[in-house]
N, C-alpha and C. Protein backbone atom coordinates (compact mmCIF):
# COMPACT_ATOMS: atom_id res chain seq x y z
N MET A 1 -3.70 29.83 -46.22
CA MET A 1 -3.90 30.10 -44.78
C MET A 1 -5.49 30.03 -44.48
N LYS A 2 -6.35 30.59 -45.57
CA LYS A 2 -7.73 30.42 -45.30
C LYS A 2 -8.24 28.98 -45.29
N LYS A 3 -7.61 28.08 -46.03
CA LYS A 3 -7.90 26.74 -45.94
C LYS A 3 -7.53 26.04 -44.74
N VAL A 4 -6.57 26.41 -44.09
CA VAL A 4 -6.22 26.02 -42.76
C VAL A 4 -7.25 26.40 -41.69
N ILE A 5 -7.62 27.68 -41.81
CA ILE A 5 -8.62 28.29 -40.83
C ILE A 5 -9.98 27.67 -41.12
N LEU A 6 -10.26 27.55 -42.28
CA LEU A 6 -11.60 26.74 -42.55
C LEU A 6 -11.65 25.30 -42.11
N LEU A 7 -10.53 24.69 -42.39
CA LEU A 7 -10.33 23.33 -41.81
C LEU A 7 -10.45 23.14 -40.38
N PHE A 8 -9.68 24.08 -39.72
CA PHE A 8 -9.81 24.04 -38.23
C PHE A 8 -11.16 24.47 -37.66
N MET A 9 -11.93 25.35 -38.33
CA MET A 9 -13.26 25.76 -37.81
C MET A 9 -14.21 24.58 -38.14
N GLY A 10 -14.05 23.96 -39.23
CA GLY A 10 -14.84 22.82 -39.53
C GLY A 10 -14.70 21.73 -38.53
N MET A 11 -13.46 21.39 -38.04
CA MET A 11 -13.16 20.46 -37.13
C MET A 11 -13.77 20.80 -35.70
N LEU A 12 -13.63 22.05 -35.44
CA LEU A 12 -14.07 22.48 -34.11
C LEU A 12 -15.64 22.36 -34.10
N LEU A 13 -16.30 22.72 -35.12
CA LEU A 13 -17.75 22.36 -35.33
C LEU A 13 -18.25 20.90 -35.11
N ILE A 14 -17.56 20.10 -35.89
CA ILE A 14 -17.74 18.69 -35.75
C ILE A 14 -17.56 18.14 -34.24
N PHE A 15 -16.45 18.62 -33.60
CA PHE A 15 -16.27 18.11 -32.20
C PHE A 15 -17.36 18.66 -31.20
N ASN A 16 -17.62 19.98 -31.49
CA ASN A 16 -18.75 20.40 -30.82
C ASN A 16 -20.10 19.64 -30.78
N ILE A 17 -20.41 19.30 -32.03
CA ILE A 17 -21.64 18.54 -32.26
C ILE A 17 -21.52 17.27 -31.65
N ILE A 18 -20.46 16.63 -31.84
CA ILE A 18 -20.35 15.22 -31.24
C ILE A 18 -20.23 15.26 -29.71
N GLY A 19 -19.55 16.26 -29.16
CA GLY A 19 -19.51 16.33 -27.66
C GLY A 19 -20.67 16.86 -27.05
N CYS A 20 -21.65 17.32 -27.73
CA CYS A 20 -22.84 17.94 -27.07
C CYS A 20 -24.03 17.08 -27.31
N ASN A 21 -23.95 15.87 -27.14
CA ASN A 21 -25.00 14.86 -27.33
C ASN A 21 -25.79 14.98 -26.05
N PRO A 22 -27.08 15.60 -26.02
CA PRO A 22 -27.77 15.88 -24.73
C PRO A 22 -28.29 14.40 -24.18
N PHE A 23 -28.35 13.38 -24.89
CA PHE A 23 -28.87 12.08 -24.54
C PHE A 23 -27.79 11.27 -23.82
N ASP A 24 -26.54 11.58 -23.90
CA ASP A 24 -25.39 10.81 -23.44
C ASP A 24 -25.57 10.53 -21.88
N SER A 25 -25.18 11.48 -21.19
CA SER A 25 -25.14 11.25 -19.73
C SER A 25 -26.47 11.25 -19.02
N SER A 26 -27.37 12.03 -19.29
CA SER A 26 -28.61 12.02 -18.64
C SER A 26 -29.49 10.69 -18.81
N SER A 27 -29.52 10.17 -20.05
CA SER A 27 -30.30 9.01 -20.30
C SER A 27 -29.59 7.84 -19.62
N LYS A 28 -28.29 7.80 -19.50
CA LYS A 28 -27.63 6.71 -18.81
C LYS A 28 -27.95 6.79 -17.41
N ASN A 29 -27.95 7.89 -16.74
CA ASN A 29 -28.19 8.06 -15.40
C ASN A 29 -29.47 7.92 -14.86
N ALA A 30 -30.53 8.21 -15.91
CA ALA A 30 -31.89 8.07 -15.57
C ALA A 30 -32.23 6.69 -15.13
N ASN A 31 -31.60 5.65 -15.71
CA ASN A 31 -31.84 4.17 -15.44
C ASN A 31 -31.20 3.60 -14.30
N LEU A 32 -30.35 4.38 -13.67
CA LEU A 32 -29.58 3.89 -12.56
C LEU A 32 -30.37 4.08 -11.22
N PRO A 33 -30.22 3.08 -10.31
CA PRO A 33 -30.96 3.12 -9.11
C PRO A 33 -30.39 4.19 -8.22
N GLU A 34 -31.31 4.86 -7.30
CA GLU A 34 -30.88 5.80 -6.38
C GLU A 34 -30.26 4.99 -5.06
N LEU A 35 -29.32 5.55 -4.46
CA LEU A 35 -28.62 5.00 -3.28
C LEU A 35 -28.80 5.98 -2.19
N LYS A 36 -29.61 5.75 -1.23
CA LYS A 36 -29.85 6.69 -0.13
C LYS A 36 -28.58 6.66 0.83
N ASP A 37 -28.26 7.77 1.27
CA ASP A 37 -27.11 7.97 2.28
C ASP A 37 -27.61 7.37 3.58
N VAL A 38 -26.85 6.51 4.25
CA VAL A 38 -27.32 5.92 5.53
C VAL A 38 -26.25 5.99 6.51
N GLY A 39 -26.66 6.74 7.70
CA GLY A 39 -25.79 6.82 8.85
C GLY A 39 -26.10 5.89 9.88
N ILE A 40 -25.66 6.16 11.12
CA ILE A 40 -25.92 5.04 12.21
C ILE A 40 -27.39 4.83 12.59
N SER A 41 -28.07 5.99 12.75
CA SER A 41 -29.48 5.80 13.15
C SER A 41 -30.36 5.25 12.10
N GLU A 42 -30.06 5.53 10.80
CA GLU A 42 -30.88 4.86 9.73
C GLU A 42 -30.53 3.36 9.66
N PHE A 43 -29.25 3.12 9.85
CA PHE A 43 -28.91 1.69 9.80
C PHE A 43 -29.59 0.85 10.92
N ASP A 44 -29.62 1.35 12.11
CA ASP A 44 -30.39 0.66 13.15
C ASP A 44 -31.88 0.48 12.84
N GLN A 45 -32.39 1.44 12.13
CA GLN A 45 -33.87 1.31 11.70
C GLN A 45 -33.92 0.22 10.62
N ILE A 46 -33.12 0.24 9.73
CA ILE A 46 -33.19 -0.80 8.61
C ILE A 46 -32.96 -2.19 9.09
N LEU A 47 -32.11 -2.34 10.17
CA LEU A 47 -31.90 -3.72 10.78
C LEU A 47 -33.25 -4.05 11.50
N GLN A 48 -33.85 -3.05 12.12
CA GLN A 48 -35.09 -3.43 12.91
C GLN A 48 -36.22 -3.85 11.94
N GLU A 49 -36.26 -3.16 10.75
CA GLU A 49 -37.27 -3.51 9.66
C GLU A 49 -37.14 -4.94 9.31
N HIS A 50 -36.00 -5.50 9.36
CA HIS A 50 -35.71 -6.94 8.89
C HIS A 50 -35.59 -7.77 10.03
N LYS A 51 -36.00 -7.53 11.14
CA LYS A 51 -35.88 -8.35 12.37
C LYS A 51 -36.83 -9.62 12.10
N GLY A 52 -36.33 -10.85 12.50
CA GLY A 52 -37.08 -12.07 12.15
C GLY A 52 -36.43 -12.68 10.86
N LYS A 53 -35.53 -12.06 10.30
CA LYS A 53 -34.82 -12.66 9.20
C LYS A 53 -33.24 -12.76 9.48
N VAL A 54 -32.66 -13.74 8.79
CA VAL A 54 -31.23 -13.88 8.89
C VAL A 54 -30.86 -12.60 7.88
N ILE A 55 -29.81 -11.84 8.33
CA ILE A 55 -29.31 -10.64 7.67
C ILE A 55 -27.87 -10.76 7.37
N LEU A 56 -27.48 -10.52 6.12
CA LEU A 56 -26.16 -10.33 5.80
C LEU A 56 -26.04 -8.89 5.39
N VAL A 57 -25.20 -8.14 6.13
CA VAL A 57 -24.79 -6.80 5.89
C VAL A 57 -23.46 -6.79 5.11
N ASN A 58 -23.54 -6.23 3.99
CA ASN A 58 -22.22 -6.27 2.92
C ASN A 58 -21.90 -4.93 2.72
N PHE A 59 -20.53 -4.56 3.16
CA PHE A 59 -19.95 -3.29 2.76
C PHE A 59 -19.03 -3.58 1.57
N PHE A 60 -19.20 -2.78 0.34
CA PHE A 60 -18.56 -3.10 -0.69
C PHE A 60 -18.20 -1.82 -1.39
N ALA A 61 -17.37 -1.81 -2.53
CA ALA A 61 -17.00 -0.72 -3.39
C ALA A 61 -16.92 -1.25 -4.81
N SER A 62 -17.33 -0.29 -5.81
CA SER A 62 -17.41 -0.67 -7.20
C SER A 62 -15.97 -1.11 -7.78
N TRP A 63 -14.91 -0.64 -7.18
CA TRP A 63 -13.65 -0.84 -7.63
C TRP A 63 -13.03 -2.18 -7.07
N CYS A 64 -13.61 -2.76 -6.20
CA CYS A 64 -13.07 -3.81 -5.34
C CYS A 64 -13.11 -5.12 -6.05
N PRO A 65 -12.08 -5.70 -6.47
CA PRO A 65 -12.06 -7.10 -7.25
C PRO A 65 -12.74 -8.27 -6.41
N PRO A 66 -12.52 -8.32 -4.98
CA PRO A 66 -13.34 -9.33 -4.34
C PRO A 66 -14.75 -9.11 -4.41
N CYS A 67 -15.18 -7.86 -4.21
CA CYS A 67 -16.52 -7.44 -4.13
C CYS A 67 -17.25 -7.78 -5.51
N LYS A 68 -16.57 -7.64 -6.58
CA LYS A 68 -16.99 -7.92 -7.83
C LYS A 68 -17.23 -9.52 -8.03
N ALA A 69 -16.28 -10.23 -7.26
CA ALA A 69 -16.33 -11.83 -7.39
C ALA A 69 -17.52 -12.21 -6.64
N GLU A 70 -17.91 -11.71 -5.51
CA GLU A 70 -18.86 -12.30 -4.64
C GLU A 70 -20.21 -11.79 -5.00
N THR A 71 -20.35 -10.69 -5.72
CA THR A 71 -21.65 -10.06 -5.97
C THR A 71 -22.64 -10.93 -6.78
N PRO A 72 -22.15 -11.51 -7.86
CA PRO A 72 -23.02 -12.43 -8.64
C PRO A 72 -23.56 -13.59 -7.78
N GLU A 73 -22.81 -14.12 -6.91
CA GLU A 73 -23.28 -15.21 -5.96
C GLU A 73 -24.24 -14.68 -4.97
N PHE A 74 -24.11 -13.50 -4.46
CA PHE A 74 -25.01 -12.80 -3.60
C PHE A 74 -26.28 -12.66 -4.30
N VAL A 75 -26.37 -12.09 -5.45
CA VAL A 75 -27.61 -11.93 -6.19
C VAL A 75 -28.40 -13.29 -6.35
N GLU A 76 -27.70 -14.33 -6.87
CA GLU A 76 -28.27 -15.70 -7.07
C GLU A 76 -28.82 -16.23 -5.77
N THR A 77 -27.95 -16.14 -4.70
CA THR A 77 -28.57 -16.79 -3.36
C THR A 77 -29.56 -15.93 -2.80
N TYR A 78 -29.61 -14.60 -2.90
CA TYR A 78 -30.61 -13.78 -2.32
C TYR A 78 -31.94 -14.14 -3.10
N ASN A 79 -31.88 -14.24 -4.51
CA ASN A 79 -33.09 -14.57 -5.23
C ASN A 79 -33.65 -15.90 -4.84
N LYS A 80 -32.80 -16.84 -4.35
CA LYS A 80 -33.30 -18.18 -4.00
C LYS A 80 -33.90 -18.10 -2.54
N LEU A 81 -33.35 -17.24 -1.63
CA LEU A 81 -33.79 -17.31 -0.24
C LEU A 81 -34.54 -16.11 0.24
N LYS A 82 -34.83 -15.07 -0.59
CA LYS A 82 -35.55 -13.87 -0.11
C LYS A 82 -36.90 -14.08 0.44
N ASP A 83 -37.55 -15.27 0.09
CA ASP A 83 -38.88 -15.54 0.72
C ASP A 83 -38.70 -16.57 1.87
N LYS A 84 -37.49 -16.76 2.31
CA LYS A 84 -37.31 -17.73 3.37
C LYS A 84 -36.57 -17.12 4.52
N ASN A 85 -37.06 -15.92 4.97
CA ASN A 85 -36.47 -15.23 6.09
C ASN A 85 -35.04 -14.86 5.94
N PHE A 86 -34.67 -14.37 4.74
CA PHE A 86 -33.26 -14.02 4.46
C PHE A 86 -33.35 -12.68 3.73
N VAL A 87 -32.34 -11.85 4.05
CA VAL A 87 -32.22 -10.60 3.27
C VAL A 87 -30.61 -10.09 3.29
N ILE A 88 -30.19 -9.57 2.21
CA ILE A 88 -28.86 -9.00 2.07
C ILE A 88 -29.11 -7.54 1.98
N ILE A 89 -28.41 -6.83 2.94
CA ILE A 89 -28.39 -5.38 2.82
C ILE A 89 -27.03 -4.85 2.56
N ALA A 90 -26.91 -4.18 1.28
CA ALA A 90 -25.51 -3.80 0.93
C ALA A 90 -25.35 -2.34 1.12
N PHE A 91 -24.02 -1.98 1.48
CA PHE A 91 -23.70 -0.54 1.71
C PHE A 91 -22.45 -0.31 0.84
N SER A 92 -22.59 0.70 -0.10
CA SER A 92 -21.44 1.16 -0.88
C SER A 92 -20.57 2.17 -0.06
N ILE A 93 -19.29 1.96 -0.21
CA ILE A 93 -18.50 3.04 0.54
C ILE A 93 -17.74 3.80 -0.63
N ASP A 94 -18.37 3.77 -1.90
CA ASP A 94 -17.67 4.44 -2.99
C ASP A 94 -17.74 6.06 -2.60
N ASP A 95 -16.76 6.76 -2.98
CA ASP A 95 -16.79 8.26 -2.95
C ASP A 95 -17.64 8.71 -4.08
N ASP A 96 -17.55 8.12 -5.26
CA ASP A 96 -18.33 8.47 -6.53
C ASP A 96 -19.45 7.61 -6.47
N ILE A 97 -20.74 8.21 -6.04
CA ILE A 97 -22.00 7.50 -5.95
C ILE A 97 -22.43 7.12 -7.42
N GLN A 98 -22.02 7.70 -8.44
CA GLN A 98 -22.39 7.28 -9.82
C GLN A 98 -21.79 6.05 -10.09
N LYS A 99 -20.59 5.71 -9.62
CA LYS A 99 -19.97 4.35 -9.94
C LYS A 99 -20.64 3.30 -9.11
N ALA A 100 -21.03 3.61 -7.99
CA ALA A 100 -21.78 2.68 -7.11
C ALA A 100 -23.12 2.31 -7.74
N ARG A 101 -23.84 3.38 -8.24
CA ARG A 101 -25.18 3.20 -8.95
C ARG A 101 -25.05 2.31 -10.14
N GLN A 102 -23.88 2.57 -10.85
CA GLN A 102 -23.67 1.84 -12.11
C GLN A 102 -23.29 0.31 -11.78
N PHE A 103 -22.57 0.10 -10.66
CA PHE A 103 -22.27 -1.30 -10.21
C PHE A 103 -23.56 -2.04 -9.87
N VAL A 104 -24.56 -1.32 -9.18
CA VAL A 104 -25.81 -1.97 -8.92
C VAL A 104 -26.57 -2.47 -10.04
N ALA A 105 -26.44 -1.40 -11.10
CA ALA A 105 -27.16 -1.85 -12.40
C ALA A 105 -26.49 -2.90 -13.16
N ASP A 106 -25.16 -2.86 -13.33
CA ASP A 106 -24.46 -3.87 -13.97
C ASP A 106 -24.56 -5.32 -13.49
N TYR A 107 -24.66 -5.41 -12.19
CA TYR A 107 -24.76 -6.72 -11.51
C TYR A 107 -26.15 -7.15 -11.30
N LYS A 108 -27.14 -6.25 -11.77
CA LYS A 108 -28.62 -6.53 -11.55
C LYS A 108 -28.83 -6.91 -10.01
N ILE A 109 -28.41 -6.09 -9.11
CA ILE A 109 -28.52 -6.41 -7.70
C ILE A 109 -30.04 -6.22 -7.44
N THR A 110 -30.75 -7.15 -6.74
CA THR A 110 -32.10 -7.08 -6.50
C THR A 110 -32.38 -6.80 -4.95
N TYR A 111 -31.29 -6.93 -4.13
CA TYR A 111 -31.43 -6.59 -2.60
C TYR A 111 -31.32 -5.23 -2.47
N PRO A 112 -31.58 -4.76 -1.27
CA PRO A 112 -31.49 -3.31 -0.97
C PRO A 112 -29.98 -2.89 -0.85
N VAL A 113 -29.90 -1.78 -1.50
CA VAL A 113 -28.44 -1.30 -1.45
C VAL A 113 -28.52 0.31 -1.10
N TYR A 114 -27.58 0.62 -0.25
CA TYR A 114 -27.49 2.11 0.34
C TYR A 114 -26.14 2.53 0.11
N HIS A 115 -25.96 3.82 0.26
CA HIS A 115 -24.50 4.38 0.31
C HIS A 115 -24.28 4.76 1.79
N ALA A 116 -23.15 4.22 2.29
CA ALA A 116 -22.78 4.33 3.71
C ALA A 116 -22.11 5.73 4.04
N LYS A 117 -22.74 6.35 5.03
CA LYS A 117 -21.91 7.50 5.42
C LYS A 117 -20.63 7.03 6.17
N ARG A 118 -19.63 7.88 6.22
CA ARG A 118 -18.51 7.57 7.02
C ARG A 118 -18.63 7.34 8.49
N GLU A 119 -19.58 7.78 9.13
CA GLU A 119 -19.83 7.57 10.55
C GLU A 119 -20.30 6.09 10.63
N LEU A 120 -20.97 5.47 9.68
CA LEU A 120 -21.56 4.20 9.73
C LEU A 120 -20.25 3.21 9.45
N GLU A 121 -19.44 3.51 8.55
CA GLU A 121 -18.24 2.67 8.40
C GLU A 121 -17.44 2.63 9.64
N GLN A 122 -17.22 3.74 10.25
CA GLN A 122 -16.51 3.68 11.49
C GLN A 122 -17.21 2.99 12.72
N LYS A 123 -18.47 3.10 12.76
CA LYS A 123 -19.18 2.43 13.81
C LYS A 123 -19.00 0.87 13.52
N MET A 124 -19.08 0.42 12.29
CA MET A 124 -19.19 -0.95 12.02
C MET A 124 -17.83 -1.50 11.82
N GLY A 125 -16.69 -0.67 12.03
CA GLY A 125 -15.43 -1.17 12.06
C GLY A 125 -14.84 -1.61 10.62
N VAL A 126 -15.36 -0.86 9.63
CA VAL A 126 -15.17 -1.29 8.27
C VAL A 126 -13.72 -0.56 7.90
N SER A 127 -12.69 -1.44 7.81
CA SER A 127 -11.39 -0.89 7.41
C SER A 127 -10.84 -1.54 6.11
N SER A 128 -11.54 -2.62 5.72
CA SER A 128 -11.31 -3.23 4.48
C SER A 128 -12.49 -3.79 3.95
N ILE A 129 -12.52 -4.01 2.55
CA ILE A 129 -13.71 -4.58 1.83
C ILE A 129 -13.29 -5.69 1.00
N PRO A 130 -14.28 -6.50 0.74
CA PRO A 130 -15.74 -6.52 1.42
C PRO A 130 -15.67 -6.90 2.88
N THR A 131 -16.54 -6.32 3.58
CA THR A 131 -16.70 -6.70 4.98
C THR A 131 -18.30 -7.15 4.99
N ASN A 132 -18.34 -8.40 5.55
CA ASN A 132 -19.58 -9.07 5.54
C ASN A 132 -20.01 -9.31 7.01
N ILE A 133 -21.20 -8.94 7.49
CA ILE A 133 -21.57 -9.07 8.85
C ILE A 133 -22.96 -9.87 8.94
N PHE A 134 -22.99 -10.98 9.68
CA PHE A 134 -24.20 -11.73 9.81
C PHE A 134 -24.90 -11.40 10.97
N TYR A 135 -26.26 -11.26 11.01
CA TYR A 135 -27.07 -11.27 12.20
C TYR A 135 -28.05 -12.40 12.12
N ASP A 136 -28.44 -12.75 13.36
CA ASP A 136 -29.49 -13.98 13.35
C ASP A 136 -30.84 -13.41 13.34
N LYS A 137 -31.86 -14.31 13.44
CA LYS A 137 -33.24 -13.78 13.24
C LYS A 137 -33.62 -12.78 14.35
N ASN A 138 -33.07 -12.79 15.59
CA ASN A 138 -33.44 -11.99 16.64
C ASN A 138 -32.50 -10.67 16.61
N GLY A 139 -31.84 -10.55 15.58
CA GLY A 139 -31.02 -9.25 15.38
C GLY A 139 -29.77 -9.11 16.12
N ASN A 140 -29.29 -10.37 16.60
CA ASN A 140 -27.96 -10.42 17.24
C ASN A 140 -26.91 -10.62 16.38
N LEU A 141 -25.80 -9.91 16.50
CA LEU A 141 -24.56 -9.99 15.67
C LEU A 141 -24.03 -11.33 15.93
N HIS A 142 -23.86 -12.16 14.74
CA HIS A 142 -23.27 -13.52 14.93
C HIS A 142 -21.78 -13.58 14.40
N GLN A 143 -21.44 -12.84 13.37
CA GLN A 143 -20.17 -12.99 12.76
C GLN A 143 -19.96 -11.86 11.84
N ALA A 144 -18.72 -11.26 11.86
CA ALA A 144 -18.22 -10.18 11.00
C ALA A 144 -16.91 -10.68 10.39
N MET A 145 -16.81 -10.59 9.10
CA MET A 145 -15.45 -11.05 8.47
C MET A 145 -15.10 -10.13 7.27
N VAL A 146 -13.84 -9.95 7.07
CA VAL A 146 -13.23 -9.23 5.93
C VAL A 146 -12.95 -10.23 4.82
N GLY A 147 -13.35 -9.93 3.49
CA GLY A 147 -12.98 -10.76 2.52
C GLY A 147 -14.17 -11.31 1.73
N ALA A 148 -14.12 -11.70 0.54
CA ALA A 148 -15.17 -12.28 -0.13
C ALA A 148 -15.54 -13.59 0.36
N ILE A 149 -16.94 -13.88 0.44
CA ILE A 149 -17.46 -15.18 0.75
C ILE A 149 -18.17 -15.77 -0.39
N THR A 150 -18.24 -17.18 -0.38
CA THR A 150 -18.85 -17.89 -1.46
C THR A 150 -20.35 -18.08 -1.17
N ALA A 151 -21.18 -18.50 -2.16
CA ALA A 151 -22.44 -18.83 -1.97
C ALA A 151 -22.63 -20.02 -1.00
N ASP A 152 -21.61 -20.97 -1.07
CA ASP A 152 -21.72 -22.11 -0.12
C ASP A 152 -21.76 -21.77 1.26
N PHE A 153 -20.72 -20.80 1.69
CA PHE A 153 -20.56 -20.23 2.97
C PHE A 153 -21.78 -19.52 3.32
N LEU A 154 -22.31 -18.73 2.49
CA LEU A 154 -23.55 -17.95 2.81
C LEU A 154 -24.75 -18.82 3.12
N ILE A 155 -24.85 -19.82 2.19
CA ILE A 155 -26.00 -20.73 2.55
C ILE A 155 -25.87 -21.49 3.75
N LYS A 156 -24.64 -21.98 4.15
CA LYS A 156 -24.46 -22.72 5.41
C LYS A 156 -24.66 -21.88 6.51
N THR A 157 -24.12 -20.65 6.46
CA THR A 157 -24.40 -19.64 7.68
C THR A 157 -25.97 -19.33 7.77
N TYR A 158 -26.63 -19.13 6.68
CA TYR A 158 -28.06 -18.91 6.76
C TYR A 158 -28.69 -20.09 7.37
N GLU A 159 -28.39 -21.28 7.09
CA GLU A 159 -29.02 -22.48 7.50
C GLU A 159 -28.79 -22.53 9.13
N ILE A 160 -27.61 -22.25 9.58
CA ILE A 160 -27.35 -22.28 10.99
C ILE A 160 -28.12 -21.20 11.71
N LEU A 161 -28.34 -20.03 11.13
CA LEU A 161 -28.87 -18.83 11.84
C LEU A 161 -30.34 -18.91 11.75
N ASN A 162 -30.91 -19.71 10.81
CA ASN A 162 -32.27 -19.72 10.48
C ASN A 162 -33.04 -20.79 11.36
N LYS A 163 -32.26 -21.50 12.15
CA LYS A 163 -32.84 -22.53 12.91
C LYS A 163 -33.69 -22.08 14.22
């Protein structure tokens, strides 16, 4: 009986040591980007800051397969066009902000990313994701669409709106 108790206590001690690694969660989270919560007034201000550029507003979630498919193309296209009057502004609708932060880190997203408040989702009519909304250089809404878009479509739309 003593052997069983000693064995049980030893296993408990080992599991406690393994499970109490202080570097696990905090070191992973320290390298993740912050995502500011954005509502309607902040959204309008962000758009105003980028007036004069073609803007793609992208609503996404970390768990969304079409979002995962379009994001690498967005990153590549943004890096090519960011100095040519173009910006992508992304808004996560994730309930778990940590998953959204991890998504941004995993995909090495270089464009601005925020966390959308529910009021913003409602104002923008986001009922499915991804939702992509294009604005021209004057800040006028050009097109809103649900579903993933390709780099080719993104570039062609940019060229039309940048004239």
